[in-house]
Amino acid sequence: MRSSLRRRSRSAILATAALGLATAGCTVGAGPAALATGTNLPVVQSLHDALPPAVKDAGVIRFAGDSHPPYRTVAPDGTVTGIDADFQAAIGQVLGVRTQTIVVAGLPAALQGMLAGRYDAFNGPVKATAEREKQFDTITWMTTRTAYVFPTDSTAGIARVEDLCGKRIAVVTASVVEEQLNKLSRFCTDSKRKATQTVGLEDTDATLVATRSGRADAAGMTEAAAIDVTQRQGGNKYVTQTEAQGAAKDDLALYVPKASGLGPVLQQVFEELFENGTYVGIMSRWGLNQVSVPKPVFDAATRG
């Protein structure tokens, strides 16, 4: 089966990824959800056979997902679109199972829900950390820095990252961005500036609303999200935190509970998506080539 994938021309597969996935998406809600469709990738039978019995029997992988454009945009009717929906469509077709997104309120709910068995996976964006890899397998599929978005008509006087010192910054609570904002605040105080003021909220949409309403001066988010906000939505600018200001380039990963046994299978699925060109197609469609990685990495934070 894998050899049949390799015989397909790379250009043909890229066309499928870039155009076929354009309609990929899934709907969510408290009840049964419609499931992602729209790609034309063949099932890899060996990977389907490797699925944990619980997933194989259910025929569905349940993804937790908060509202976090461009990864996930949740419409008023519950429809979910974005990078995550595209990847879920591809994952489901390679594995020959359905995928379902269940909307949750932020990272803590996603992690706790996976450990409780309510969800099978969460596609982040979540930083791969050694502490979390004690309970979860991670599959790193992109990298990013932290950026801070603000309205183009802002009167807060933000032209560079240093101008954020002393300002109110909205971030998703317990996210990698909140961690980076803490480092920025230390940079501010170390350089004799005022510390930043954290406004913790449950998702990225809420942080943007906070900036528009004047509750915050800027919204912290991944660089990928900042690219989406400024290019697709308009009316915003962003500045990117540098290493000198405490921002390392972070590995962002899909999370799966170790106990489920699903992580190694999804790692192989991502390897397939990288090999057949689907990964490049999705990242290109969303304008995120600059934060892509050359290959997926399993448990990156604890690898020897």
C-alpha atoms as a PDB file:
ATOM      1  CA  MET A   1       0.000   0.000   0.000  1.00  0.00           C
ATOM      2  CA  ARG A   2       2.806   2.408   0.844  1.00  0.00           C
ATOM      3  CA  SER A   3       4.456   1.648  -2.504  1.00  0.00           C
ATOM      4  CA  SER A   4       1.269   2.664  -4.281  1.00  0.00           C
ATOM      5  CA  LEU A   5       1.484   6.047  -2.593  1.00  0.00           C
ATOM      6  CA  ARG A   6       5.059   6.522  -3.711  1.00  0.00           C
ATOM      7  CA  ARG A   7       4.079   5.807  -7.335  1.00  0.00           C
ATOM      8  CA  ARG A   8       1.767   8.776  -7.325  1.00  0.00           C
ATOM      9  CA  SER A   9       3.456  11.859  -8.718  1.00  0.00           C
ATOM     10  CA  ARG A  10       4.388  14.495  -6.169  1.00  0.00           C
ATOM     11  CA  SER A  11       2.766  17.215  -8.261  1.00  0.00           C
ATOM     12  CA  ALA A  12      -0.526  15.335  -8.409  1.00  0.00           C
ATOM     13  CA  ILE A  13      -0.553  14.819  -4.649  1.00  0.00           C
ATOM     14  CA  LEU A  14       0.311  18.439  -3.980  1.00  0.00           C
ATOM     15  CA  ALA A  15      -2.619  19.435  -6.156  1.00  0.00           C
ATOM     16  CA  THR A  16      -4.865  17.178  -4.090  1.00  0.00           C
ATOM     17  CA  ALA A  17      -3.520  18.676  -0.868  1.00  0.00           C
ATOM     18  CA  ALA A  18      -3.805  22.286  -1.960  1.00  0.00           C
ATOM     19  CA  LEU A  19      -7.125  22.048  -3.825  1.00  0.00           C
ATOM     20  CA  GLY A  20      -8.945  19.006  -2.481  1.00  0.00           C
ATOM     21  CA  LEU A  21      -8.372  20.068   1.106  1.00  0.00           C
ATOM     22  CA  ALA A  22      -9.810  23.471   0.385  1.00  0.00           C
ATOM     23  CA  THR A  23     -13.222  22.091   1.239  1.00  0.00           C
ATOM     24  CA  ALA A  24     -12.094  20.039   4.244  1.00  0.00           C
ATOM     25  CA  GLY A  25     -13.738  20.758   7.568  1.00  0.00           C
ATOM     26  CA  CYS A  26     -15.854  19.324  10.299  1.00  0.00           C
ATOM     27  CA  THR A  27     -18.734  20.408  12.444  1.00  0.00           C
ATOM     28  CA  VAL A  28     -18.868  20.166  16.179  1.00  0.00           C
ATOM     29  CA  GLY A  29     -21.283  20.472  19.033  1.00  0.00           C
ATOM     30  CA  ALA A  30     -22.446  18.952  22.256  1.00  0.00           C
ATOM     31  CA  GLY A  31     -24.119  16.094  20.397  1.00  0.00           C
ATOM     32  CA  PRO A  32     -22.959  13.860  17.525  1.00  0.00           C
ATOM     33  CA  ALA A  33     -20.821  15.774  15.052  1.00  0.00           C
ATOM     34  CA  ALA A  34     -20.577  15.628  11.282  1.00  0.00           C
ATOM     35  CA  LEU A  35     -17.119  14.437  10.308  1.00  0.00           C
ATOM     36  CA  ALA A  36     -14.313  15.712   8.138  1.00  0.00           C
ATOM     37  CA  THR A  37     -14.279  14.866   4.447  1.00  0.00           C
ATOM     38  CA  GLY A  38     -12.777  16.349   1.316  1.00  0.00           C
ATOM     39  CA  THR A  39      -9.423  14.666   0.650  1.00  0.00           C
ATOM     40  CA  ASN A  40      -8.730  11.733  -1.658  1.00  0.00           C
ATOM     41  CA  LEU A  41      -5.902   9.916   0.075  1.00  0.00           C
ATOM     42  CA  PRO A  42      -5.902   6.115   0.009  1.00  0.00           C
ATOM     43  CA  VAL A  43      -6.176   4.126   3.214  1.00  0.00           C
ATOM     44  CA  VAL A  44      -2.863   2.681   4.395  1.00  0.00           C
ATOM     45  CA  GLN A  45      -4.099  -0.684   5.593  1.00  0.00           C
ATOM     46  CA  SER A  46      -1.057  -1.425   7.749  1.00  0.00           C
ATOM     47  CA  LEU A  47      -1.682   1.774   9.715  1.00  0.00           C
ATOM     48  CA  HIS A  48      -5.395   1.042  10.062  1.00  0.00           C
ATOM     49  CA  ASP A  49      -4.516  -2.391  11.381  1.00  0.00           C
ATOM     50  CA  ALA A  50      -2.094  -0.830  13.902  1.00  0.00           C
ATOM     51  CA  LEU A  51      -4.822   1.323  15.502  1.00  0.00           C
ATOM     52  CA  PRO A  52      -5.622   0.574  19.158  1.00  0.00           C
ATOM     53  CA  PRO A  53      -8.680  -1.734  19.362  1.00  0.00           C
ATOM     54  CA  ALA A  54     -10.801   0.941  21.068  1.00  0.00           C
ATOM     55  CA  VAL A  55     -10.279   3.387  18.195  1.00  0.00           C
ATOM     56  CA  LYS A  56     -10.650   0.728  15.511  1.00  0.00           C
ATOM     57  CA  ASP A  57     -13.898  -0.508  17.027  1.00  0.00           C
ATOM     58  CA  ALA A  58     -15.311   3.009  17.403  1.00  0.00           C
ATOM     59  CA  GLY A  59     -14.225   3.965  13.877  1.00  0.00           C
ATOM     60  CA  VAL A  60     -13.549   7.534  14.974  1.00  0.00           C
ATOM     61  CA  ILE A  61     -10.735   9.622  16.477  1.00  0.00           C
ATOM     62  CA  ARG A  62     -12.084  12.311  18.808  1.00  0.00           C
ATOM     63  CA  PHE A  63     -10.048  15.524  18.729  1.00  0.00           C
ATOM     64  CA  ALA A  64     -10.427  18.162  21.408  1.00  0.00           C
ATOM     65  CA  GLY A  65     -10.243  21.646  19.938  1.00  0.00           C
ATOM     66  CA  ASP A  66     -10.533  25.185  21.230  1.00  0.00           C
ATOM     67  CA  SER A  67     -11.198  28.224  19.061  1.00  0.00           C
ATOM     68  CA  HIS A  68      -7.749  29.215  17.807  1.00  0.00           C
ATOM     69  CA  PRO A  69      -7.490  30.579  14.236  1.00  0.00           C
ATOM     70  CA  PRO A  70      -5.929  29.596  11.899  1.00  0.00           C
ATOM     71  CA  TYR A  71      -5.746  26.164  13.526  1.00  0.00           C
ATOM     72  CA  ARG A  72      -9.461  26.068  14.263  1.00  0.00           C
ATOM     73  CA  THR A  73     -12.125  28.643  13.479  1.00  0.00           C
ATOM     74  CA  VAL A  74     -15.505  27.771  14.966  1.00  0.00           C
ATOM     75  CA  ALA A  75     -18.469  29.252  13.109  1.00  0.00           C
ATOM     76  CA  PRO A  76     -21.751  30.158  14.882  1.00  0.00           C
ATOM     77  CA  ASP A  77     -23.332  26.954  13.525  1.00  0.00           C
ATOM     78  CA  GLY A  78     -20.504  24.878  15.007  1.00  0.00           C
ATOM     79  CA  THR A  79     -18.631  24.275  11.764  1.00  0.00           C
ATOM     80  CA  VAL A  80     -14.873  24.059  12.249  1.00  0.00           C
ATOM     81  CA  THR A  81     -12.430  25.087   9.534  1.00  0.00           C
ATOM     82  CA  GLY A  82      -8.678  25.644   9.591  1.00  0.00           C
ATOM     83  CA  ILE A  83      -5.371  23.814   9.575  1.00  0.00           C
ATOM     84  CA  ASP A  84      -6.585  21.303  12.139  1.00  0.00           C
ATOM     85  CA  ALA A  85      -9.649  20.401  10.066  1.00  0.00           C
ATOM     86  CA  ASP A  86      -7.433  19.875   7.019  1.00  0.00           C
ATOM     87  CA  PHE A  87      -5.024  17.625   8.901  1.00  0.00           C
ATOM     88  CA  GLN A  88      -7.869  15.699  10.500  1.00  0.00           C
ATOM     89  CA  ALA A  89      -9.413  15.038   7.088  1.00  0.00           C
ATOM     90  CA  ALA A  90      -6.099  13.682   5.828  1.00  0.00           C
ATOM     91  CA  ILE A  91      -5.439  11.623   8.982  1.00  0.00           C
ATOM     92  CA  GLY A  92      -8.904  10.074   8.829  1.00  0.00           C
ATOM     93  CA  GLN A  93      -8.554   9.048   5.222  1.00  0.00           C
ATOM     94  CA  VAL A  94      -5.094   7.526   5.670  1.00  0.00           C
ATOM     95  CA  LEU A  95      -6.349   5.532   8.652  1.00  0.00           C
ATOM     96  CA  GLY A  96      -9.752   4.689   7.205  1.00  0.00           C
ATOM     97  CA  VAL A  97     -11.633   6.154  10.195  1.00  0.00           C
ATOM     98  CA  ARG A  98     -13.712   9.242  10.838  1.00  0.00           C
ATOM     99  CA  THR A  99     -12.479  12.256  12.774  1.00  0.00           C
ATOM    100  CA  GLN A 100     -14.529  14.396  15.125  1.00  0.00           C
ATOM    101  CA  THR A 101     -13.798  17.738  16.775  1.00  0.00           C
ATOM    102  CA  ILE A 102     -15.277  18.455  20.191  1.00  0.00           C
ATOM    103  CA  VAL A 103     -14.918  22.120  21.155  1.00  0.00           C
ATOM    104  CA  VAL A 104     -13.353  22.698  24.567  1.00  0.00           C
ATOM    105  CA  ALA A 105     -12.488  25.824  26.546  1.00  0.00           C
ATOM    106  CA  GLY A 106      -8.718  25.982  26.320  1.00  0.00           C
ATOM    107  CA  LEU A 107      -5.645  23.824  26.895  1.00  0.00           C
ATOM    108  CA  PRO A 108      -6.293  22.625  30.473  1.00  0.00           C
ATOM    109  CA  ALA A 109      -9.693  21.248  29.436  1.00  0.00           C
ATOM    110  CA  ALA A 110      -8.137  19.470  26.463  1.00  0.00           C
ATOM    111  CA  LEU A 111      -5.349  17.857  28.511  1.00  0.00           C
ATOM    112  CA  GLN A 112      -7.601  16.826  31.388  1.00  0.00           C
ATOM    113  CA  GLY A 113     -10.251  15.542  28.996  1.00  0.00           C
ATOM    114  CA  MET A 114      -7.739  13.346  27.171  1.00  0.00           C
ATOM    115  CA  LEU A 115      -6.498  11.848  30.427  1.00  0.00           C
ATOM    116  CA  ALA A 116     -10.111  11.165  31.419  1.00  0.00           C
ATOM    117  CA  GLY A 117     -10.726   9.367  28.129  1.00  0.00           C
ATOM    118  CA  ARG A 118     -13.188  11.891  26.689  1.00  0.00           C
ATOM    119  CA  TYR A 119     -10.911  12.794  23.753  1.00  0.00           C
ATOM    120  CA  ASP A 120      -8.245  10.860  21.856  1.00  0.00           C
ATOM    121  CA  ALA A 121      -6.003  13.720  20.717  1.00  0.00           C
ATOM    122  CA  PHE A 122      -5.450  17.477  20.670  1.00  0.00           C
ATOM    123  CA  ASN A 123      -3.625  19.173  17.821  1.00  0.00           C
ATOM    124  CA  GLY A 124      -2.575  22.245  19.751  1.00  0.00           C
ATOM    125  CA  PRO A 125      -0.855  24.467  19.144  1.00  0.00           C
ATOM    126  CA  VAL A 126       0.883  23.041  22.222  1.00  0.00           C
ATOM    127  CA  LYS A 127       4.560  23.151  23.051  1.00  0.00           C
ATOM    128  CA  ALA A 128       6.186  19.740  23.443  1.00  0.00           C
ATOM    129  CA  THR A 129       7.649  19.611  26.963  1.00  0.00           C
ATOM    130  CA  ALA A 130       9.453  16.865  28.863  1.00  0.00           C
ATOM    131  CA  GLU A 131       7.048  17.220  31.797  1.00  0.00           C
ATOM    132  CA  ARG A 132       3.950  16.689  29.667  1.00  0.00           C
ATOM    133  CA  GLU A 133       5.602  13.857  27.741  1.00  0.00           C
ATOM    134  CA  LYS A 134       5.448  11.814  30.950  1.00  0.00           C
ATOM    135  CA  GLN A 135       1.724  11.423  30.245  1.00  0.00           C
ATOM    136  CA  PHE A 136       1.396  12.261  26.561  1.00  0.00           C
ATOM    137  CA  ASP A 137       3.077  11.319  23.320  1.00  0.00           C
ATOM    138  CA  THR A 138       3.765  14.361  21.162  1.00  0.00           C
ATOM    139  CA  ILE A 139       4.211  14.693  17.421  1.00  0.00           C
ATOM    140  CA  THR A 140       5.953  17.921  16.479  1.00  0.00           C
ATOM    141  CA  TRP A 141       4.706  19.151  13.104  1.00  0.00           C
ATOM    142  CA  MET A 142       5.494  22.861  13.176  1.00  0.00           C
ATOM    143  CA  THR A 143       7.580  25.449  14.970  1.00  0.00           C
ATOM    144  CA  THR A 144       6.887  29.036  15.877  1.00  0.00           C
ATOM    145  CA  ARG A 145       7.820  32.091  17.871  1.00  0.00           C
ATOM    146  CA  THR A 146       5.504  34.276  19.909  1.00  0.00           C
ATOM    147  CA  ALA A 147       3.962  37.366  18.337  1.00  0.00           C
ATOM    148  CA  TYR A 148       1.805  40.163  19.707  1.00  0.00           C
ATOM    149  CA  VAL A 149      -1.086  41.493  17.636  1.00  0.00           C
ATOM    150  CA  PHE A 150      -2.617  44.940  18.012  1.00  0.00           C
ATOM    151  CA  PRO A 151      -5.091  47.024  15.971  1.00  0.00           C
ATOM    152  CA  THR A 152      -3.598  49.208  13.260  1.00  0.00           C
ATOM    153  CA  ASP A 153      -5.384  52.205  14.781  1.00  0.00           C
ATOM    154  CA  SER A 154      -4.067  51.485  18.279  1.00  0.00           C
ATOM    155  CA  THR A 155      -3.016  54.504  20.338  1.00  0.00           C
ATOM    156  CA  ALA A 156      -0.914  52.373  22.723  1.00  0.00           C
ATOM    157  CA  GLY A 157       2.306  53.383  20.963  1.00  0.00           C
ATOM    158  CA  ILE A 158       3.471  49.901  19.934  1.00  0.00           C
ATOM    159  CA  ALA A 159       6.070  49.841  17.182  1.00  0.00           C
ATOM    160  CA  ARG A 160       8.482  47.209  18.506  1.00  0.00           C
ATOM    161  CA  VAL A 161       8.441  44.500  21.147  1.00  0.00           C
ATOM    162  CA  GLU A 162      10.028  46.722  23.796  1.00  0.00           C
ATOM    163  CA  ASP A 163       6.970  48.966  23.579  1.00  0.00           C
ATOM    164  CA  LEU A 164       4.923  46.148  25.142  1.00  0.00           C
ATOM    165  CA  CYS A 165       6.622  46.682  28.493  1.00  0.00           C
ATOM    166  CA  GLY A 166       4.075  48.027  30.948  1.00  0.00           C
ATOM    167  CA  LYS A 167       1.205  47.194  28.582  1.00  0.00           C
ATOM    168  CA  ARG A 168      -1.773  44.870  29.138  1.00  0.00           C
ATOM    169  CA  ILE A 169      -1.285  41.713  27.078  1.00  0.00           C
ATOM    170  CA  ALA A 170      -4.102  39.222  26.544  1.00  0.00           C
ATOM    171  CA  VAL A 171      -3.024  35.578  26.233  1.00  0.00           C
ATOM    172  CA  VAL A 172      -4.607  32.142  26.456  1.00  0.00           C
ATOM    173  CA  THR A 173      -4.222  30.903  30.024  1.00  0.00           C
ATOM    174  CA  ALA A 174      -1.674  28.088  30.520  1.00  0.00           C
ATOM    175  CA  SER A 175      -0.500  28.316  26.891  1.00  0.00           C
ATOM    176  CA  VAL A 176       3.067  28.433  25.566  1.00  0.00           C
ATOM    177  CA  VAL A 177       2.362  32.093  24.754  1.00  0.00           C
ATOM    178  CA  GLU A 178       1.700  32.886  28.416  1.00  0.00           C
ATOM    179  CA  GLU A 179       5.040  31.273  29.236  1.00  0.00           C
ATOM    180  CA  GLN A 180       6.779  33.433  26.630  1.00  0.00           C
ATOM    181  CA  LEU A 181       5.005  36.550  27.883  1.00  0.00           C
ATOM    182  CA  ASN A 182       6.397  35.869  31.359  1.00  0.00           C
ATOM    183  CA  LYS A 183       9.873  35.806  29.828  1.00  0.00           C
ATOM    184  CA  LEU A 184       9.176  39.062  28.022  1.00  0.00           C
ATOM    185  CA  SER A 185       8.066  40.613  31.298  1.00  0.00           C
ATOM    186  CA  ARG A 186      11.358  39.566  32.906  1.00  0.00           C
ATOM    187  CA  PHE A 187      13.197  41.135  29.975  1.00  0.00           C
ATOM    188  CA  CYS A 188      11.272  44.335  30.600  1.00  0.00           C
ATOM    189  CA  THR A 189      12.135  44.520  34.300  1.00  0.00           C
ATOM    190  CA  ASP A 190      15.767  43.485  33.695  1.00  0.00           C
ATOM    191  CA  SER A 191      16.082  46.393  31.256  1.00  0.00           C
ATOM    192  CA  LYS A 192      14.569  48.838  33.789  1.00  0.00           C
ATOM    193  CA  ARG A 193      11.183  48.956  32.107  1.00  0.00           C
ATOM    194  CA  LYS A 194       7.769  48.225  33.576  1.00  0.00           C
ATOM    195  CA  ALA A 195       6.594  44.623  33.684  1.00  0.00           C
ATOM    196  CA  THR A 196       3.881  43.502  31.295  1.00  0.00           C
ATOM    197  CA  GLN A 197       0.382  42.934  32.665  1.00  0.00           C
ATOM    198  CA  THR A 198      -1.142  39.567  31.799  1.00  0.00           C
ATOM    199  CA  VAL A 199      -4.822  39.332  30.888  1.00  0.00           C
ATOM    200  CA  GLY A 200      -5.562  35.590  30.890  1.00  0.00           C
ATOM    201  CA  LEU A 201      -8.421  34.373  28.672  1.00  0.00           C
ATOM    202  CA  GLU A 202      -9.745  31.039  27.417  1.00  0.00           C
ATOM    203  CA  ASP A 203      -9.002  31.230  23.672  1.00  0.00           C
ATOM    204  CA  THR A 204      -7.402  33.319  20.934  1.00  0.00           C
ATOM    205  CA  ASP A 205     -10.700  34.823  19.782  1.00  0.00           C
ATOM    206  CA  ALA A 206     -11.211  36.184  23.283  1.00  0.00           C
ATOM    207  CA  THR A 207      -7.755  37.780  23.278  1.00  0.00           C
ATOM    208  CA  LEU A 208      -8.509  39.584  20.036  1.00  0.00           C
ATOM    209  CA  VAL A 209     -11.858  40.786  21.345  1.00  0.00           C
ATOM    210  CA  ALA A 210     -10.022  42.126  24.388  1.00  0.00           C
ATOM    211  CA  THR A 211      -7.723  44.247  22.210  1.00  0.00           C
ATOM    212  CA  ARG A 212     -10.593  45.588  20.147  1.00  0.00           C
ATOM    213  CA  SER A 213     -12.603  46.477  23.248  1.00  0.00           C
ATOM    214  CA  GLY A 214      -9.682  48.218  24.964  1.00  0.00           C
ATOM    215  CA  ARG A 215      -9.401  45.658  27.760  1.00  0.00           C
ATOM    216  CA  ALA A 216      -5.902  44.799  26.494  1.00  0.00           C
ATOM    217  CA  ASP A 217      -3.308  46.648  24.427  1.00  0.00           C
ATOM    218  CA  ALA A 218      -2.154  43.595  22.467  1.00  0.00           C
ATOM    219  CA  ALA A 219      -2.941  39.906  22.071  1.00  0.00           C
ATOM    220  CA  GLY A 220      -0.172  37.330  22.372  1.00  0.00           C
ATOM    221  CA  MET A 221      -0.334  34.289  20.094  1.00  0.00           C
ATOM    222  CA  THR A 222       1.789  32.021  17.960  1.00  0.00           C
ATOM    223  CA  GLU A 223       3.406  33.569  14.919  1.00  0.00           C
ATOM    224  CA  ALA A 224       1.228  31.338  12.721  1.00  0.00           C
ATOM    225  CA  ALA A 225      -1.904  32.778  14.305  1.00  0.00           C
ATOM    226  CA  ALA A 226      -0.542  36.312  13.948  1.00  0.00           C
ATOM    227  CA  ILE A 227       0.080  35.738  10.251  1.00  0.00           C
ATOM    228  CA  ASP A 228      -3.516  34.608   9.843  1.00  0.00           C
ATOM    229  CA  VAL A 229      -4.956  37.513  11.817  1.00  0.00           C
ATOM    230  CA  THR A 230      -3.034  40.165   9.894  1.00  0.00           C
ATOM    231  CA  GLN A 231      -3.233  38.672   6.399  1.00  0.00           C
ATOM    232  CA  ARG A 232      -6.723  37.188   6.367  1.00  0.00           C
ATOM    233  CA  GLN A 233      -8.645  39.435   8.728  1.00  0.00           C
ATOM    234  CA  GLY A 234      -6.830  42.726   8.228  1.00  0.00           C
ATOM    235  CA  GLY A 235      -6.879  45.753  10.508  1.00  0.00           C
ATOM    236  CA  ASN A 236      -4.038  44.447  12.658  1.00  0.00           C
ATOM    237  CA  LYS A 237      -0.274  44.529  12.974  1.00  0.00           C
ATOM    238  CA  TYR A 238       2.097  42.370  15.003  1.00  0.00           C
ATOM    239  CA  VAL A 239       5.571  42.344  16.477  1.00  0.00           C
ATOM    240  CA  THR A 240       7.558  39.159  17.124  1.00  0.00           C
ATOM    241  CA  GLN A 241       9.426  38.410  20.342  1.00  0.00           C
ATOM    242  CA  THR A 242      13.129  37.689  19.829  1.00  0.00           C
ATOM    243  CA  GLU A 243      15.532  35.313  21.549  1.00  0.00           C
ATOM    244  CA  ALA A 244      17.122  38.297  23.319  1.00  0.00           C
ATOM    245  CA  GLN A 245      13.682  38.961  24.795  1.00  0.00           C
ATOM    246  CA  GLY A 246      13.334  35.379  26.016  1.00  0.00           C
ATOM    247  CA  ALA A 247      11.502  33.799  23.084  1.00  0.00           C
ATOM    248  CA  ALA A 248      13.016  30.578  21.848  1.00  0.00           C
ATOM    249  CA  LYS A 249      11.641  28.911  18.760  1.00  0.00           C
ATOM    250  CA  ASP A 250       9.105  26.425  20.108  1.00  0.00           C
ATOM    251  CA  ASP A 251       8.211  22.964  18.842  1.00  0.00           C
ATOM    252  CA  LEU A 252       4.433  22.724  18.543  1.00  0.00           C
ATOM    253  CA  ALA A 253       2.901  19.292  18.631  1.00  0.00           C
ATOM    254  CA  LEU A 254      -0.159  17.091  18.489  1.00  0.00           C
ATOM    255  CA  TYR A 255      -0.795  15.482  21.894  1.00  0.00           C
ATOM    256  CA  VAL A 256      -2.043  11.924  22.517  1.00  0.00           C
ATOM    257  CA  PRO A 257      -2.286  10.143  25.891  1.00  0.00           C
ATOM    258  CA  LYS A 258       0.542   7.601  26.162  1.00  0.00           C
ATOM    259  CA  ALA A 259      -1.770   5.017  27.678  1.00  0.00           C
ATOM    260  CA  SER A 260      -3.944   4.918  24.540  1.00  0.00           C
ATOM    261  CA  GLY A 261      -1.241   3.563  22.243  1.00  0.00           C
ATOM    262  CA  LEU A 262      -2.453   5.878  19.470  1.00  0.00           C
ATOM    263  CA  GLY A 263       0.609   8.168  19.448  1.00  0.00           C
ATOM    264  CA  PRO A 264       3.019   5.918  17.510  1.00  0.00           C
ATOM    265  CA  VAL A 265       0.354   5.270  14.867  1.00  0.00           C
ATOM    266  CA  LEU A 266      -0.318   8.997  14.367  1.00  0.00           C
ATOM    267  CA  GLN A 267       3.438   9.582  14.114  1.00  0.00           C
ATOM    268  CA  GLN A 268       3.508   7.153  11.180  1.00  0.00           C
ATOM    269  CA  VAL A 269       0.515   8.893   9.636  1.00  0.00           C
ATOM    270  CA  PHE A 270       2.333  12.223   9.791  1.00  0.00           C
ATOM    271  CA  GLU A 271       5.383  10.615   8.194  1.00  0.00           C
ATOM    272  CA  GLU A 272       3.078   9.497   5.380  1.00  0.00           C
ATOM    273  CA  LEU A 273       1.637  13.000   4.998  1.00  0.00           C
ATOM    274  CA  PHE A 274       5.133  14.487   4.825  1.00  0.00           C
ATOM    275  CA  GLU A 275       6.238  11.879   2.279  1.00  0.00           C
ATOM    276  CA  ASN A 276       3.266  12.180  -0.054  1.00  0.00           C
ATOM    277  CA  GLY A 277       3.211  15.993  -0.125  1.00  0.00           C
ATOM    278  CA  THR A 278       0.003  16.548   1.826  1.00  0.00           C
ATOM    279  CA  TYR A 279       1.825  18.326   4.662  1.00  0.00           C
ATOM    280  CA  VAL A 280       3.442  20.801   2.267  1.00  0.00           C
ATOM    281  CA  GLY A 281       0.104  21.389   0.571  1.00  0.00           C
ATOM    282  CA  ILE A 282      -1.702  22.204   3.814  1.00  0.00           C
ATOM    283  CA  MET A 283       1.028  24.465   5.151  1.00  0.00           C
ATOM    284  CA  SER A 284       1.273  26.280   1.808  1.00  0.00           C
ATOM    285  CA  ARG A 285      -2.471  26.760   1.627  1.00  0.00           C
ATOM    286  CA  TRP A 286      -2.427  28.525   4.979  1.00  0.00           C
ATOM    287  CA  GLY A 287       0.713  30.560   4.187  1.00  0.00           C
ATOM    288  CA  LEU A 288       2.738  28.899   6.942  1.00  0.00           C
ATOM    289  CA  ASN A 289       5.801  27.638   5.093  1.00  0.00           C
ATOM    290  CA  GLN A 290       8.038  29.751   7.315  1.00  0.00           C
ATOM    291  CA  VAL A 291       6.989  27.787  10.419  1.00  0.00           C
ATOM    292  CA  SER A 292       6.987  24.314   8.850  1.00  0.00           C
ATOM    293  CA  VAL A 293       9.444  21.556   9.816  1.00  0.00           C
ATOM    294  CA  PRO A 294      11.370  19.125   7.570  1.00  0.00           C
ATOM    295  CA  LYS A 295       9.916  16.046   9.274  1.00  0.00           C
ATOM    296  CA  PRO A 296       7.596  15.160  12.169  1.00  0.00           C
ATOM    297  CA  VAL A 297       9.374  14.366  15.441  1.00  0.00           C
ATOM    298  CA  PHE A 298       8.032  11.936  18.032  1.00  0.00           C
ATOM    299  CA  ASP A 299       8.369  13.018  21.696  1.00  0.00           C
ATOM    300  CA  ALA A 300      10.802  15.800  20.716  1.00  0.00           C
ATOM    301  CA  ALA A 301      11.302  17.099  24.257  1.00  0.00           C
ATOM    302  CA  THR A 302      12.593  13.776  25.605  1.00  0.00           C
ATOM    303  CA  ARG A 303      14.340  12.357  22.575  1.00  0.00           C
ATOM    304  CA  GLY A 304      17.891  11.193  23.151  1.00  0.00           C
END
